Amino acid sequence: MLADGSAKQSTDADLGSSGKTVKGHINSSGGVTLGKARTGLIGCGAGGAGGEHNGPLTWEGHEVFNQLLGTTGDPNRFVFRADGKIKAPEAGEFKFHVRHDDDVWVWIDANRNGKVDGGEAKTRNGWSSNRYINNWLTITLPKEEVKFAIVLYEHGGGNHVNLRMTGPGSPGTEDAAGTGIRTKAKSGDKAAFNAARNANGGW
């Protein structure tokens, strides 16, 4: 933008090194250049704190969690929580498959009473070696929206959590879709992870 209110195309000299990096990710129509966009950013299943979004139950990579923590680099020793709703395509029995690094807790409010009841939640410690643990949790769901919560405790190193579901109308080949997803994270240890595993939003 010029002083008289008119505009001109910025050159590489105008942009500097940081601007050229951004420019390299944008095509002539203003879209993101295929193959240059990073995964795990807002719009790829990882909404920022303070708002709701719809998307796959997919959170992966340092950038995703750094956005929530307000940190940079490789974030370690933190607790992440996602809350929202999922809807089964048809009523029936569904098997959930989880991929996680590190400890994870998942709750599916199958009876829609807003409480963590027997058989609705499960914890798995450690990490899943970059693979899905298939048929990890079995839940009978109505053809209605039900609440879910996912809590992740990151010890160190890589960090991700993904959830899939197989059942009537859901082949389980992609991460499950959620609505009204809210995410947050904070520094914490195993005690913070344990305290966050509840039906009322964690902390």
C-alpha atoms as a PDB file:
ATOM      1  CA  MET A   1       0.000   0.000   0.000  1.00  0.00           C
ATOM      2  CA  LEU A   2       1.389   3.372  -1.027  1.00  0.00           C
ATOM      3  CA  ALA A   3       0.983   6.725   0.735  1.00  0.00           C
ATOM      4  CA  ASP A   4      -1.673   7.914  -1.756  1.00  0.00           C
ATOM      5  CA  GLY A   5      -3.820   4.854  -1.040  1.00  0.00           C
ATOM      6  CA  SER A   6      -2.918   2.935  -4.196  1.00  0.00           C
ATOM      7  CA  ALA A   7      -1.348  -0.507  -4.127  1.00  0.00           C
ATOM      8  CA  LYS A   8       1.436  -2.289  -5.975  1.00  0.00           C
ATOM      9  CA  GLN A   9       2.793  -5.830  -6.048  1.00  0.00           C
ATOM     10  CA  SER A  10       5.579  -6.342  -3.507  1.00  0.00           C
ATOM     11  CA  THR A  11       8.955  -7.439  -4.821  1.00  0.00           C
ATOM     12  CA  ASP A  12      11.311  -9.869  -3.079  1.00  0.00           C
ATOM     13  CA  ALA A  13      13.369  -6.868  -1.958  1.00  0.00           C
ATOM     14  CA  ASP A  14      10.271  -5.379  -0.310  1.00  0.00           C
ATOM     15  CA  LEU A  15       9.396  -8.624   1.413  1.00  0.00           C
ATOM     16  CA  GLY A  16      12.733  -9.576   2.950  1.00  0.00           C
ATOM     17  CA  SER A  17      13.579 -13.157   3.885  1.00  0.00           C
ATOM     18  CA  SER A  18      10.519 -13.731   6.094  1.00  0.00           C
ATOM     19  CA  GLY A  19       8.114 -12.320   3.524  1.00  0.00           C
ATOM     20  CA  LYS A  20       9.640 -14.396   0.760  1.00  0.00           C
ATOM     21  CA  THR A  21       9.017 -17.508   2.816  1.00  0.00           C
ATOM     22  CA  VAL A  22       5.330 -16.625   3.054  1.00  0.00           C
ATOM     23  CA  LYS A  23       5.193 -15.672  -0.626  1.00  0.00           C
ATOM     24  CA  GLY A  24       6.590 -19.074  -1.566  1.00  0.00           C
ATOM     25  CA  HIS A  25       3.558 -20.781  -0.047  1.00  0.00           C
ATOM     26  CA  ILE A  26       1.008 -18.766  -2.056  1.00  0.00           C
ATOM     27  CA  ASN A  27       0.037 -19.304  -5.668  1.00  0.00           C
ATOM     28  CA  SER A  28      -1.081 -16.706  -8.226  1.00  0.00           C
ATOM     29  CA  SER A  29      -4.727 -16.913  -7.152  1.00  0.00           C
ATOM     30  CA  GLY A  30      -3.942 -16.437  -3.486  1.00  0.00           C
ATOM     31  CA  GLY A  31      -4.265 -20.090  -2.516  1.00  0.00           C
ATOM     32  CA  VAL A  32      -1.713 -22.232  -0.731  1.00  0.00           C
ATOM     33  CA  THR A  33       0.707 -23.946  -3.084  1.00  0.00           C
ATOM     34  CA  LEU A  34       0.213 -27.712  -3.077  1.00  0.00           C
ATOM     35  CA  GLY A  35       3.102 -29.494  -1.431  1.00  0.00           C
ATOM     36  CA  LYS A  36       4.268 -26.434   0.512  1.00  0.00           C
ATOM     37  CA  ALA A  37       1.560 -26.175   3.157  1.00  0.00           C
ATOM     38  CA  ARG A  38       2.362 -27.565   6.575  1.00  0.00           C
ATOM     39  CA  THR A  39      -0.047 -30.080   8.056  1.00  0.00           C
ATOM     40  CA  GLY A  40      -1.353 -29.771  11.580  1.00  0.00           C
ATOM     41  CA  LEU A  41      -2.257 -26.076  11.338  1.00  0.00           C
ATOM     42  CA  ILE A  42      -5.651 -24.470  11.907  1.00  0.00           C
ATOM     43  CA  GLY A  43      -8.026 -25.876   9.318  1.00  0.00           C
ATOM     44  CA  CYS A  44      -6.352 -29.288   9.451  1.00  0.00           C
ATOM     45  CA  GLY A  45      -8.114 -30.501  12.572  1.00  0.00           C
ATOM     46  CA  ALA A  46      -6.259 -28.314  15.014  1.00  0.00           C
ATOM     47  CA  GLY A  47      -8.181 -25.226  16.001  1.00  0.00           C
ATOM     48  CA  GLY A  48      -6.514 -22.614  18.157  1.00  0.00           C
ATOM     49  CA  ALA A  49      -7.534 -21.900  21.728  1.00  0.00           C
ATOM     50  CA  GLY A  50     -10.547 -19.754  22.441  1.00  0.00           C
ATOM     51  CA  GLY A  51     -12.895 -20.905  19.662  1.00  0.00           C
ATOM     52  CA  GLU A  52     -14.837 -23.851  18.299  1.00  0.00           C
ATOM     53  CA  HIS A  53     -14.269 -25.554  14.979  1.00  0.00           C
ATOM     54  CA  ASN A  54     -15.336 -28.612  13.012  1.00  0.00           C
ATOM     55  CA  GLY A  55     -12.889 -31.094  11.549  1.00  0.00           C
ATOM     56  CA  PRO A  56     -11.092 -34.413  11.904  1.00  0.00           C
ATOM     57  CA  LEU A  57      -9.922 -35.626  15.294  1.00  0.00           C
ATOM     58  CA  THR A  58      -6.316 -35.086  14.257  1.00  0.00           C
ATOM     59  CA  TRP A  59      -3.658 -33.175  16.172  1.00  0.00           C
ATOM     60  CA  GLU A  60      -0.100 -33.655  15.009  1.00  0.00           C
ATOM     61  CA  GLY A  61       3.213 -31.832  15.096  1.00  0.00           C
ATOM     62  CA  HIS A  62       4.921 -29.281  17.294  1.00  0.00           C
ATOM     63  CA  GLU A  63       3.197 -26.286  15.670  1.00  0.00           C
ATOM     64  CA  VAL A  64      -0.272 -27.483  16.690  1.00  0.00           C
ATOM     65  CA  PHE A  65       0.572 -27.685  20.370  1.00  0.00           C
ATOM     66  CA  ASN A  66       2.851 -24.634  20.376  1.00  0.00           C
ATOM     67  CA  GLN A  67      -0.125 -22.544  19.225  1.00  0.00           C
ATOM     68  CA  LEU A  68      -2.053 -23.616  22.308  1.00  0.00           C
ATOM     69  CA  LEU A  69       0.862 -23.423  24.738  1.00  0.00           C
ATOM     70  CA  GLY A  70       2.341 -20.166  23.454  1.00  0.00           C
ATOM     71  CA  THR A  71       5.712 -21.879  23.063  1.00  0.00           C
ATOM     72  CA  THR A  72       8.169 -22.649  20.269  1.00  0.00           C
ATOM     73  CA  GLY A  73      10.393 -25.563  19.362  1.00  0.00           C
ATOM     74  CA  ASP A  74       9.695 -29.058  20.668  1.00  0.00           C
ATOM     75  CA  PRO A  75       7.090 -28.772  23.450  1.00  0.00           C
ATOM     76  CA  ASN A  76       7.405 -31.313  26.259  1.00  0.00           C
ATOM     77  CA  ARG A  77       5.743 -32.056  29.590  1.00  0.00           C
ATOM     78  CA  PHE A  78       2.297 -30.728  28.744  1.00  0.00           C
ATOM     79  CA  VAL A  79      -1.346 -31.789  28.860  1.00  0.00           C
ATOM     80  CA  PHE A  80      -3.689 -31.282  25.893  1.00  0.00           C
ATOM     81  CA  ARG A  81      -7.456 -31.629  25.924  1.00  0.00           C
ATOM     82  CA  ALA A  82     -10.042 -31.601  23.124  1.00  0.00           C
ATOM     83  CA  ASP A  83     -13.810 -31.565  23.705  1.00  0.00           C
ATOM     84  CA  GLY A  84     -16.610 -31.689  21.152  1.00  0.00           C
ATOM     85  CA  LYS A  85     -19.204 -33.956  19.598  1.00  0.00           C
ATOM     86  CA  ILE A  86     -19.219 -36.814  17.135  1.00  0.00           C
ATOM     87  CA  LYS A  87     -22.165 -38.366  15.331  1.00  0.00           C
ATOM     88  CA  ALA A  88     -22.487 -41.986  14.263  1.00  0.00           C
ATOM     89  CA  PRO A  89     -23.851 -42.400  10.698  1.00  0.00           C
ATOM     90  CA  GLU A  90     -26.117 -45.184  11.987  1.00  0.00           C
ATOM     91  CA  ALA A  91     -26.891 -46.629  15.401  1.00  0.00           C
ATOM     92  CA  GLY A  92     -24.796 -49.629  16.359  1.00  0.00           C
ATOM     93  CA  GLU A  93     -21.502 -50.863  17.751  1.00  0.00           C
ATOM     94  CA  PHE A  94     -18.410 -48.840  16.941  1.00  0.00           C
ATOM     95  CA  LYS A  95     -14.762 -49.679  17.470  1.00  0.00           C
ATOM     96  CA  PHE A  96     -12.345 -46.820  18.030  1.00  0.00           C
ATOM     97  CA  HIS A  97      -8.730 -46.854  16.887  1.00  0.00           C
ATOM     98  CA  VAL A  98      -6.230 -44.509  18.527  1.00  0.00           C
ATOM     99  CA  ARG A  99      -2.791 -43.264  17.497  1.00  0.00           C
ATOM    100  CA  HIS A 100      -0.988 -41.355  20.212  1.00  0.00           C
ATOM    101  CA  ASP A 101       2.268 -39.952  21.594  1.00  0.00           C
ATOM    102  CA  ASP A 102       2.306 -40.076  24.587  1.00  0.00           C
ATOM    103  CA  ASP A 103      -0.340 -41.104  27.198  1.00  0.00           C
ATOM    104  CA  VAL A 104      -3.950 -40.753  26.051  1.00  0.00           C
ATOM    105  CA  TRP A 105      -7.447 -40.871  27.559  1.00  0.00           C
ATOM    106  CA  VAL A 106     -10.623 -40.973  25.459  1.00  0.00           C
ATOM    107  CA  TRP A 107     -14.216 -40.599  26.632  1.00  0.00           C
ATOM    108  CA  ILE A 108     -17.302 -41.115  24.443  1.00  0.00           C
ATOM    109  CA  ASP A 109     -20.554 -40.128  26.190  1.00  0.00           C
ATOM    110  CA  ALA A 110     -22.537 -42.994  24.660  1.00  0.00           C
ATOM    111  CA  ASN A 111     -25.608 -42.659  26.892  1.00  0.00           C
ATOM    112  CA  ARG A 112     -25.578 -38.853  26.588  1.00  0.00           C
ATOM    113  CA  ASN A 113     -25.867 -38.199  30.319  1.00  0.00           C
ATOM    114  CA  GLY A 114     -22.777 -35.995  30.561  1.00  0.00           C
ATOM    115  CA  LYS A 115     -21.017 -38.358  32.967  1.00  0.00           C
ATOM    116  CA  VAL A 116     -18.089 -40.730  32.577  1.00  0.00           C
ATOM    117  CA  ASP A 117     -19.764 -44.118  33.018  1.00  0.00           C
ATOM    118  CA  GLY A 118     -18.345 -47.621  32.896  1.00  0.00           C
ATOM    119  CA  GLY A 119     -17.183 -48.698  29.450  1.00  0.00           C
ATOM    120  CA  GLU A 120     -17.238 -45.160  28.007  1.00  0.00           C
ATOM    121  CA  ALA A 121     -13.617 -44.168  28.664  1.00  0.00           C
ATOM    122  CA  LYS A 122     -10.193 -45.724  28.380  1.00  0.00           C
ATOM    123  CA  THR A 123      -6.556 -44.808  29.037  1.00  0.00           C
ATOM    124  CA  ARG A 124      -3.472 -46.012  27.198  1.00  0.00           C
ATOM    125  CA  ASN A 125      -0.015 -45.084  28.453  1.00  0.00           C
ATOM    126  CA  GLY A 126       3.161 -44.665  26.456  1.00  0.00           C
ATOM    127  CA  TRP A 127       2.904 -44.211  22.706  1.00  0.00           C
ATOM    128  CA  SER A 128       1.603 -46.245  19.790  1.00  0.00           C
ATOM    129  CA  SER A 129       4.806 -46.282  17.697  1.00  0.00           C
ATOM    130  CA  ASN A 130       3.225 -44.132  14.950  1.00  0.00           C
ATOM    131  CA  ARG A 131       0.488 -46.690  14.288  1.00  0.00           C
ATOM    132  CA  TYR A 132      -3.177 -46.983  15.175  1.00  0.00           C
ATOM    133  CA  ILE A 133      -4.124 -49.300  18.016  1.00  0.00           C
ATOM    134  CA  ASN A 134      -7.121 -50.905  16.349  1.00  0.00           C
ATOM    135  CA  ASN A 135     -10.318 -51.911  18.142  1.00  0.00           C
ATOM    136  CA  TRP A 136      -9.017 -50.225  21.270  1.00  0.00           C
ATOM    137  CA  LEU A 137     -12.387 -49.044  22.583  1.00  0.00           C
ATOM    138  CA  THR A 138     -15.805 -50.506  21.719  1.00  0.00           C
ATOM    139  CA  ILE A 139     -18.890 -48.339  22.222  1.00  0.00           C
ATOM    140  CA  THR A 140     -22.541 -48.747  21.212  1.00  0.00           C
ATOM    141  CA  LEU A 141     -23.781 -45.416  19.886  1.00  0.00           C
ATOM    142  CA  PRO A 142     -27.160 -43.979  18.920  1.00  0.00           C
ATOM    143  CA  LYS A 143     -27.631 -42.123  15.658  1.00  0.00           C
ATOM    144  CA  GLU A 144     -27.280 -38.874  17.575  1.00  0.00           C
ATOM    145  CA  GLU A 145     -24.520 -36.450  18.426  1.00  0.00           C
ATOM    146  CA  VAL A 146     -22.624 -37.477  21.553  1.00  0.00           C
ATOM    147  CA  LYS A 147     -19.918 -35.695  23.489  1.00  0.00           C
ATOM    148  CA  PHE A 148     -16.312 -36.806  23.376  1.00  0.00           C
ATOM    149  CA  ALA A 149     -13.142 -35.782  25.163  1.00  0.00           C
ATOM    150  CA  ILE A 150      -9.517 -36.600  24.398  1.00  0.00           C
ATOM    151  CA  VAL A 151      -6.685 -35.896  26.837  1.00  0.00           C
ATOM    152  CA  LEU A 152      -3.023 -36.288  25.857  1.00  0.00           C
ATOM    153  CA  TYR A 153      -0.004 -36.155  28.157  1.00  0.00           C
ATOM    154  CA  GLU A 154       3.233 -35.454  26.316  1.00  0.00           C
ATOM    155  CA  HIS A 155       6.418 -36.643  28.060  1.00  0.00           C
ATOM    156  CA  GLY A 156       8.961 -35.630  25.414  1.00  0.00           C
ATOM    157  CA  GLY A 157       9.844 -35.965  21.742  1.00  0.00           C
ATOM    158  CA  GLY A 158       7.103 -36.319  19.131  1.00  0.00           C
ATOM    159  CA  ASN A 159       3.507 -35.424  19.900  1.00  0.00           C
ATOM    160  CA  HIS A 160       0.255 -36.376  18.216  1.00  0.00           C
ATOM    161  CA  VAL A 161      -3.167 -37.890  18.791  1.00  0.00           C
ATOM    162  CA  ASN A 162      -5.604 -39.243  16.186  1.00  0.00           C
ATOM    163  CA  LEU A 163      -8.923 -41.094  16.560  1.00  0.00           C
ATOM    164  CA  ARG A 164     -10.808 -43.243  14.054  1.00  0.00           C
ATOM    165  CA  MET A 165     -14.048 -45.214  14.349  1.00  0.00           C
ATOM    166  CA  THR A 166     -15.320 -48.292  12.514  1.00  0.00           C
ATOM    167  CA  GLY A 167     -18.970 -49.307  12.528  1.00  0.00           C
ATOM    168  CA  PRO A 168     -22.221 -48.958  10.578  1.00  0.00           C
ATOM    169  CA  GLY A 169     -21.627 -46.387   7.843  1.00  0.00           C
ATOM    170  CA  SER A 170     -18.100 -45.613   9.065  1.00  0.00           C
ATOM    171  CA  PRO A 171     -15.261 -47.607   7.437  1.00  0.00           C
ATOM    172  CA  GLY A 172     -12.607 -46.178   9.764  1.00  0.00           C
ATOM    173  CA  THR A 173     -10.166 -45.362   6.987  1.00  0.00           C
ATOM    174  CA  GLU A 174      -9.902 -41.686   8.001  1.00  0.00           C
ATOM    175  CA  ASP A 175      -9.822 -39.860  11.317  1.00  0.00           C
ATOM    176  CA  ALA A 176     -13.305 -39.338  12.734  1.00  0.00           C
ATOM    177  CA  ALA A 177     -15.014 -35.982  12.180  1.00  0.00           C
ATOM    178  CA  GLY A 178     -16.004 -33.825  15.138  1.00  0.00           C
ATOM    179  CA  THR A 179     -18.117 -30.705  15.581  1.00  0.00           C
ATOM    180  CA  GLY A 180     -17.902 -27.864  18.065  1.00  0.00           C
ATOM    181  CA  ILE A 181     -14.340 -28.871  18.923  1.00  0.00           C
ATOM    182  CA  ARG A 182     -12.590 -26.869  21.637  1.00  0.00           C
ATOM    183  CA  THR A 183      -8.906 -27.401  22.405  1.00  0.00           C
ATOM    184  CA  LYS A 184      -6.518 -26.240  25.101  1.00  0.00           C
ATOM    185  CA  ALA A 185      -3.146 -27.183  26.559  1.00  0.00           C
ATOM    186  CA  LYS A 186      -0.957 -26.322  29.520  1.00  0.00           C
ATOM    187  CA  SER A 187       2.341 -27.333  31.055  1.00  0.00           C
ATOM    188  CA  GLY A 188       1.843 -30.270  33.360  1.00  0.00           C
ATOM    189  CA  ASP A 189       2.878 -33.681  34.583  1.00  0.00           C
ATOM    190  CA  LYS A 190       1.201 -37.039  35.183  1.00  0.00           C
ATOM    191  CA  ALA A 191      -0.855 -35.579  38.019  1.00  0.00           C
ATOM    192  CA  ALA A 192      -2.203 -32.906  35.664  1.00  0.00           C
ATOM    193  CA  PHE A 193      -3.058 -35.609  33.118  1.00  0.00           C
ATOM    194  CA  ASN A 194      -4.973 -37.568  35.740  1.00  0.00           C
ATOM    195  CA  ALA A 195      -6.814 -34.458  36.892  1.00  0.00           C
ATOM    196  CA  ALA A 196      -7.839 -33.598  33.319  1.00  0.00           C
ATOM    197  CA  ARG A 197      -9.583 -36.928  32.707  1.00  0.00           C
ATOM    198  CA  ASN A 198     -13.154 -35.954  33.554  1.00  0.00           C
ATOM    199  CA  ALA A 199     -16.465 -34.938  31.985  1.00  0.00           C
ATOM    200  CA  ASN A 200     -16.427 -31.258  32.921  1.00  0.00           C
ATOM    201  CA  GLY A 201     -13.721 -29.823  30.696  1.00  0.00           C
ATOM    202  CA  GLY A 202     -10.530 -30.916  32.385  1.00  0.00           C
ATOM    203  CA  TRP A 203      -9.344 -27.798  34.167  1.00  0.00           C
END
